[in-house]
Amino acid sequence: MIWVYVEREQFVRMCDKLQVSATVCEHIKLWAPTVSNKYETPRLKLIYRSPNNRYEAWAAGIPNPDSNKGKSGGYRVVYFLDLTENTISMDLIEKRE
């Protein structure tokens, strides 16, 4: 399934505040429409499902190629899937240290 990519205002503000590089932002834009909600991985976790199974909230670990800290030096991204509209809304990004 391909998702329609939506950046929420809070996500854009946090990218600016954290000075997320253009490379990482572009990676997120390319990666997000391809996600699957069928399985969890160590870097992708389901954190909420609405009672009628319309919405799901997921948290994902995104690597930061500008950091030399390995897996722990990336970002955590929280996004919402609207299962009826097929949209993925990027909601929050924070640094993992």
N, C-alpha and C. Protein backbone atom coordinates (compact mmCIF):
# COMPACT_ATOMS: atom_id res chain seq x y z
N MET A 1 0.84 -1.17 0.00
CA MET A 1 0.00 0.00 0.00
C MET A 1 0.90 1.25 0.00
N ILE A 2 0.55 2.21 -0.80
CA ILE A 2 1.26 3.48 -0.86
C ILE A 2 0.45 4.53 -0.11
N TRP A 3 1.13 5.26 0.77
CA TRP A 3 0.48 6.28 1.60
C TRP A 3 0.70 7.66 0.99
N VAL A 4 -0.29 8.53 1.18
CA VAL A 4 -0.16 9.94 0.80
C VAL A 4 0.57 10.63 1.94
N TYR A 5 1.67 11.27 1.64
CA TYR A 5 2.56 11.88 2.64
C TYR A 5 2.06 13.26 3.04
N VAL A 6 1.93 13.50 4.37
CA VAL A 6 1.49 14.78 4.91
C VAL A 6 2.43 15.17 6.04
N GLU A 7 2.95 16.39 5.99
CA GLU A 7 3.76 16.91 7.10
C GLU A 7 2.90 17.86 7.92
N ARG A 8 2.73 17.54 9.19
CA ARG A 8 1.97 18.42 10.07
C ARG A 8 2.85 19.57 10.52
N GLU A 9 2.21 20.65 10.95
CA GLU A 9 2.93 21.87 11.33
C GLU A 9 3.96 21.62 12.42
N GLN A 10 3.61 20.81 13.41
CA GLN A 10 4.53 20.52 14.51
C GLN A 10 5.79 19.82 14.00
N PHE A 11 5.65 18.91 13.06
CA PHE A 11 6.78 18.20 12.48
C PHE A 11 7.73 19.18 11.77
N VAL A 12 7.18 20.09 10.99
CA VAL A 12 7.99 21.07 10.27
C VAL A 12 8.73 21.96 11.26
N ARG A 13 8.03 22.43 12.30
CA ARG A 13 8.67 23.28 13.32
C ARG A 13 9.80 22.55 14.03
N MET A 14 9.59 21.28 14.37
CA MET A 14 10.62 20.52 15.07
C MET A 14 11.82 20.25 14.15
N CYS A 15 11.60 20.04 12.87
CA CYS A 15 12.72 19.87 11.93
C CYS A 15 13.57 21.13 11.90
N ASP A 16 12.91 22.29 11.89
CA ASP A 16 13.65 23.56 11.90
C ASP A 16 14.39 23.75 13.22
N LYS A 17 13.72 23.47 14.32
CA LYS A 17 14.32 23.65 15.64
C LYS A 17 15.54 22.75 15.84
N LEU A 18 15.43 21.50 15.40
CA LEU A 18 16.52 20.54 15.56
C LEU A 18 17.58 20.66 14.46
N GLN A 19 17.31 21.52 13.49
CA GLN A 19 18.20 21.70 12.34
C GLN A 19 18.47 20.37 11.63
N VAL A 20 17.39 19.67 11.35
CA VAL A 20 17.48 18.39 10.64
C VAL A 20 17.97 18.69 9.22
N SER A 21 18.98 17.98 8.78
CA SER A 21 19.57 18.25 7.46
C SER A 21 18.59 17.94 6.34
N ALA A 22 18.82 18.57 5.20
CA ALA A 22 17.97 18.35 4.03
C ALA A 22 18.04 16.90 3.57
N THR A 23 19.19 16.26 3.77
CA THR A 23 19.35 14.85 3.40
C THR A 23 18.40 13.96 4.19
N VAL A 24 18.32 14.20 5.50
CA VAL A 24 17.44 13.40 6.36
C VAL A 24 15.98 13.68 6.01
N CYS A 25 15.63 14.94 5.80
CA CYS A 25 14.25 15.29 5.43
C CYS A 25 13.83 14.61 4.13
N GLU A 26 14.73 14.61 3.16
CA GLU A 26 14.44 13.96 1.88
C GLU A 26 14.30 12.44 2.06
N HIS A 27 15.16 11.86 2.90
CA HIS A 27 15.07 10.42 3.19
C HIS A 27 13.71 10.08 3.80
N ILE A 28 13.25 10.91 4.73
CA ILE A 28 11.96 10.67 5.37
C ILE A 28 10.83 10.76 4.34
N LYS A 29 10.89 11.75 3.45
CA LYS A 29 9.85 11.91 2.42
C LYS A 29 9.80 10.72 1.47
N LEU A 30 10.95 10.13 1.19
CA LEU A 30 10.98 8.97 0.31
C LEU A 30 10.57 7.69 1.04
N TRP A 31 10.94 7.58 2.31
CA TRP A 31 10.68 6.38 3.10
C TRP A 31 9.21 6.28 3.53
N ALA A 32 8.62 7.38 3.96
CA ALA A 32 7.29 7.36 4.58
C ALA A 32 6.19 6.73 3.71
N PRO A 33 6.09 7.06 2.43
CA PRO A 33 5.01 6.44 1.64
C PRO A 33 5.15 4.93 1.45
N THR A 34 6.29 4.36 1.79
CA THR A 34 6.51 2.94 1.57
C THR A 34 6.33 2.09 2.83
N VAL A 35 6.01 2.72 3.97
CA VAL A 35 5.93 1.94 5.22
C VAL A 35 4.78 0.96 5.18
N SER A 36 4.90 -0.07 5.99
CA SER A 36 3.84 -1.07 6.12
C SER A 36 3.36 -1.07 7.56
N ASN A 37 2.09 -1.25 7.74
CA ASN A 37 1.56 -1.34 9.10
C ASN A 37 1.26 -2.79 9.47
N LYS A 38 1.86 -3.71 8.78
CA LYS A 38 1.57 -5.14 9.00
C LYS A 38 2.49 -5.80 10.01
N TYR A 39 3.62 -5.19 10.33
CA TYR A 39 4.55 -5.83 11.26
C TYR A 39 5.37 -4.79 11.99
N GLU A 40 5.87 -5.19 13.15
CA GLU A 40 6.75 -4.34 13.95
C GLU A 40 8.18 -4.86 13.82
N THR A 41 9.12 -3.94 13.88
CA THR A 41 10.54 -4.28 13.89
C THR A 41 11.15 -3.57 15.09
N PRO A 42 12.40 -3.83 15.40
CA PRO A 42 13.02 -3.11 16.52
C PRO A 42 13.04 -1.59 16.31
N ARG A 43 13.04 -1.12 15.07
CA ARG A 43 13.07 0.31 14.77
C ARG A 43 11.69 0.89 14.44
N LEU A 44 10.65 0.05 14.44
CA LEU A 44 9.30 0.47 14.05
C LEU A 44 8.31 -0.15 15.03
N LYS A 45 7.64 0.70 15.82
CA LYS A 45 6.74 0.17 16.85
C LYS A 45 5.37 0.82 16.78
N LEU A 46 4.33 0.00 16.88
CA LEU A 46 2.96 0.50 16.98
C LEU A 46 2.75 1.02 18.39
N ILE A 47 2.34 2.29 18.53
CA ILE A 47 2.14 2.84 19.86
C ILE A 47 0.68 3.13 20.18
N TYR A 48 -0.20 3.15 19.16
CA TYR A 48 -1.62 3.38 19.41
C TYR A 48 -2.44 2.89 18.23
N ARG A 49 -3.59 2.31 18.51
CA ARG A 49 -4.56 1.93 17.49
C ARG A 49 -5.93 2.39 17.98
N SER A 50 -6.66 3.11 17.15
CA SER A 50 -7.97 3.62 17.56
C SER A 50 -8.96 2.47 17.72
N PRO A 51 -10.01 2.67 18.52
CA PRO A 51 -10.97 1.58 18.77
C PRO A 51 -11.60 0.99 17.52
N ASN A 52 -11.86 1.79 16.50
CA ASN A 52 -12.48 1.29 15.28
C ASN A 52 -11.46 0.96 14.19
N ASN A 53 -10.20 0.88 14.58
CA ASN A 53 -9.10 0.57 13.66
C ASN A 53 -9.01 1.53 12.48
N ARG A 54 -9.35 2.81 12.70
CA ARG A 54 -9.21 3.79 11.62
C ARG A 54 -7.82 4.42 11.64
N TYR A 55 -7.31 4.71 12.83
CA TYR A 55 -6.02 5.37 12.96
C TYR A 55 -5.03 4.47 13.69
N GLU A 56 -3.76 4.60 13.32
CA GLU A 56 -2.68 3.96 14.04
C GLU A 56 -1.57 4.99 14.21
N ALA A 57 -0.92 4.97 15.36
CA ALA A 57 0.25 5.82 15.61
C ALA A 57 1.46 4.90 15.73
N TRP A 58 2.52 5.26 15.05
CA TRP A 58 3.74 4.48 15.03
C TRP A 58 4.92 5.35 15.39
N ALA A 59 5.93 4.75 15.96
CA ALA A 59 7.21 5.42 16.24
C ALA A 59 8.29 4.66 15.48
N ALA A 60 9.17 5.42 14.84
CA ALA A 60 10.23 4.81 14.04
C ALA A 60 11.57 5.45 14.38
N GLY A 61 12.61 4.65 14.36
CA GLY A 61 13.97 5.16 14.51
C GLY A 61 14.56 5.41 13.13
N ILE A 62 15.04 6.63 12.93
CA ILE A 62 15.61 7.03 11.65
C ILE A 62 17.09 7.35 11.87
N PRO A 63 17.99 6.75 11.12
CA PRO A 63 19.41 7.06 11.31
C PRO A 63 19.75 8.47 10.83
N ASN A 64 20.78 9.04 11.42
CA ASN A 64 21.29 10.34 11.02
C ASN A 64 22.68 10.15 10.42
N PRO A 65 22.82 10.30 9.11
CA PRO A 65 24.13 10.07 8.49
C PRO A 65 25.17 11.12 8.89
N ASP A 66 24.72 12.27 9.42
CA ASP A 66 25.64 13.32 9.83
C ASP A 66 26.26 13.06 11.20
N SER A 67 25.74 12.09 11.93
CA SER A 67 26.23 11.78 13.28
C SER A 67 27.15 10.57 13.21
N ASN A 68 28.10 10.53 14.09
CA ASN A 68 29.02 9.38 14.15
C ASN A 68 28.73 8.52 15.37
N LYS A 69 27.47 8.41 15.74
CA LYS A 69 27.10 7.68 16.95
C LYS A 69 26.44 6.34 16.66
N GLY A 70 26.40 5.93 15.43
CA GLY A 70 25.76 4.66 15.12
C GLY A 70 24.25 4.76 15.21
N LYS A 71 23.61 3.67 15.64
CA LYS A 71 22.15 3.63 15.68
C LYS A 71 21.55 4.58 16.70
N SER A 72 22.27 4.88 17.78
CA SER A 72 21.68 5.71 18.83
C SER A 72 21.74 7.20 18.49
N GLY A 73 22.42 7.59 17.43
CA GLY A 73 22.58 9.00 17.12
C GLY A 73 21.59 9.53 16.10
N GLY A 74 20.48 8.89 15.92
CA GLY A 74 19.52 9.30 14.90
C GLY A 74 18.35 10.08 15.48
N TYR A 75 17.21 9.88 14.87
CA TYR A 75 15.98 10.59 15.25
C TYR A 75 14.88 9.58 15.54
N ARG A 76 13.94 9.99 16.35
CA ARG A 76 12.70 9.24 16.57
C ARG A 76 11.60 10.03 15.89
N VAL A 77 10.84 9.37 15.04
CA VAL A 77 9.75 10.00 14.31
C VAL A 77 8.44 9.34 14.73
N VAL A 78 7.46 10.16 15.05
CA VAL A 78 6.12 9.66 15.37
C VAL A 78 5.19 10.09 14.23
N TYR A 79 4.46 9.12 13.71
CA TYR A 79 3.55 9.42 12.60
C TYR A 79 2.24 8.68 12.80
N PHE A 80 1.19 9.19 12.14
CA PHE A 80 -0.14 8.62 12.22
C PHE A 80 -0.56 8.12 10.85
N LEU A 81 -1.16 6.94 10.83
CA LEU A 81 -1.72 6.38 9.60
C LEU A 81 -3.24 6.49 9.67
N ASP A 82 -3.85 7.05 8.65
CA ASP A 82 -5.30 7.05 8.51
C ASP A 82 -5.60 5.92 7.54
N LEU A 83 -6.13 4.83 8.05
CA LEU A 83 -6.31 3.62 7.26
C LEU A 83 -7.44 3.71 6.24
N THR A 84 -8.36 4.67 6.42
CA THR A 84 -9.44 4.82 5.44
C THR A 84 -9.06 5.79 4.32
N GLU A 85 -8.28 6.80 4.65
CA GLU A 85 -7.86 7.80 3.66
C GLU A 85 -6.49 7.48 3.05
N ASN A 86 -5.80 6.48 3.59
CA ASN A 86 -4.45 6.10 3.14
C ASN A 86 -3.46 7.26 3.21
N THR A 87 -3.48 7.98 4.33
CA THR A 87 -2.52 9.07 4.53
C THR A 87 -1.58 8.73 5.68
N ILE A 88 -0.35 9.21 5.56
CA ILE A 88 0.62 9.11 6.62
C ILE A 88 0.97 10.54 7.02
N SER A 89 0.67 10.89 8.26
CA SER A 89 0.90 12.24 8.76
C SER A 89 2.09 12.23 9.69
N MET A 90 3.15 12.91 9.28
CA MET A 90 4.34 13.02 10.11
C MET A 90 4.04 14.03 11.20
N ASP A 91 4.14 13.61 12.47
CA ASP A 91 3.69 14.45 13.57
C ASP A 91 4.82 15.01 14.40
N LEU A 92 5.85 14.22 14.70
CA LEU A 92 6.88 14.64 15.64
C LEU A 92 8.22 14.03 15.24
N ILE A 93 9.28 14.79 15.46
CA ILE A 93 10.63 14.28 15.29
C ILE A 93 11.45 14.77 16.47
N GLU A 94 12.27 13.90 17.03
CA GLU A 94 13.14 14.29 18.15
C GLU A 94 14.47 13.57 18.01
N LYS A 95 15.51 14.18 18.58
CA LYS A 95 16.83 13.57 18.53
C LYS A 95 16.94 12.46 19.55
N ARG A 96 17.64 11.41 19.17
CA ARG A 96 17.96 10.31 20.09
C ARG A 96 19.42 10.46 20.42
N GLU A 97 19.71 10.45 21.69
CA GLU A 97 21.12 10.61 22.10
C GLU A 97 21.53 9.53 23.06
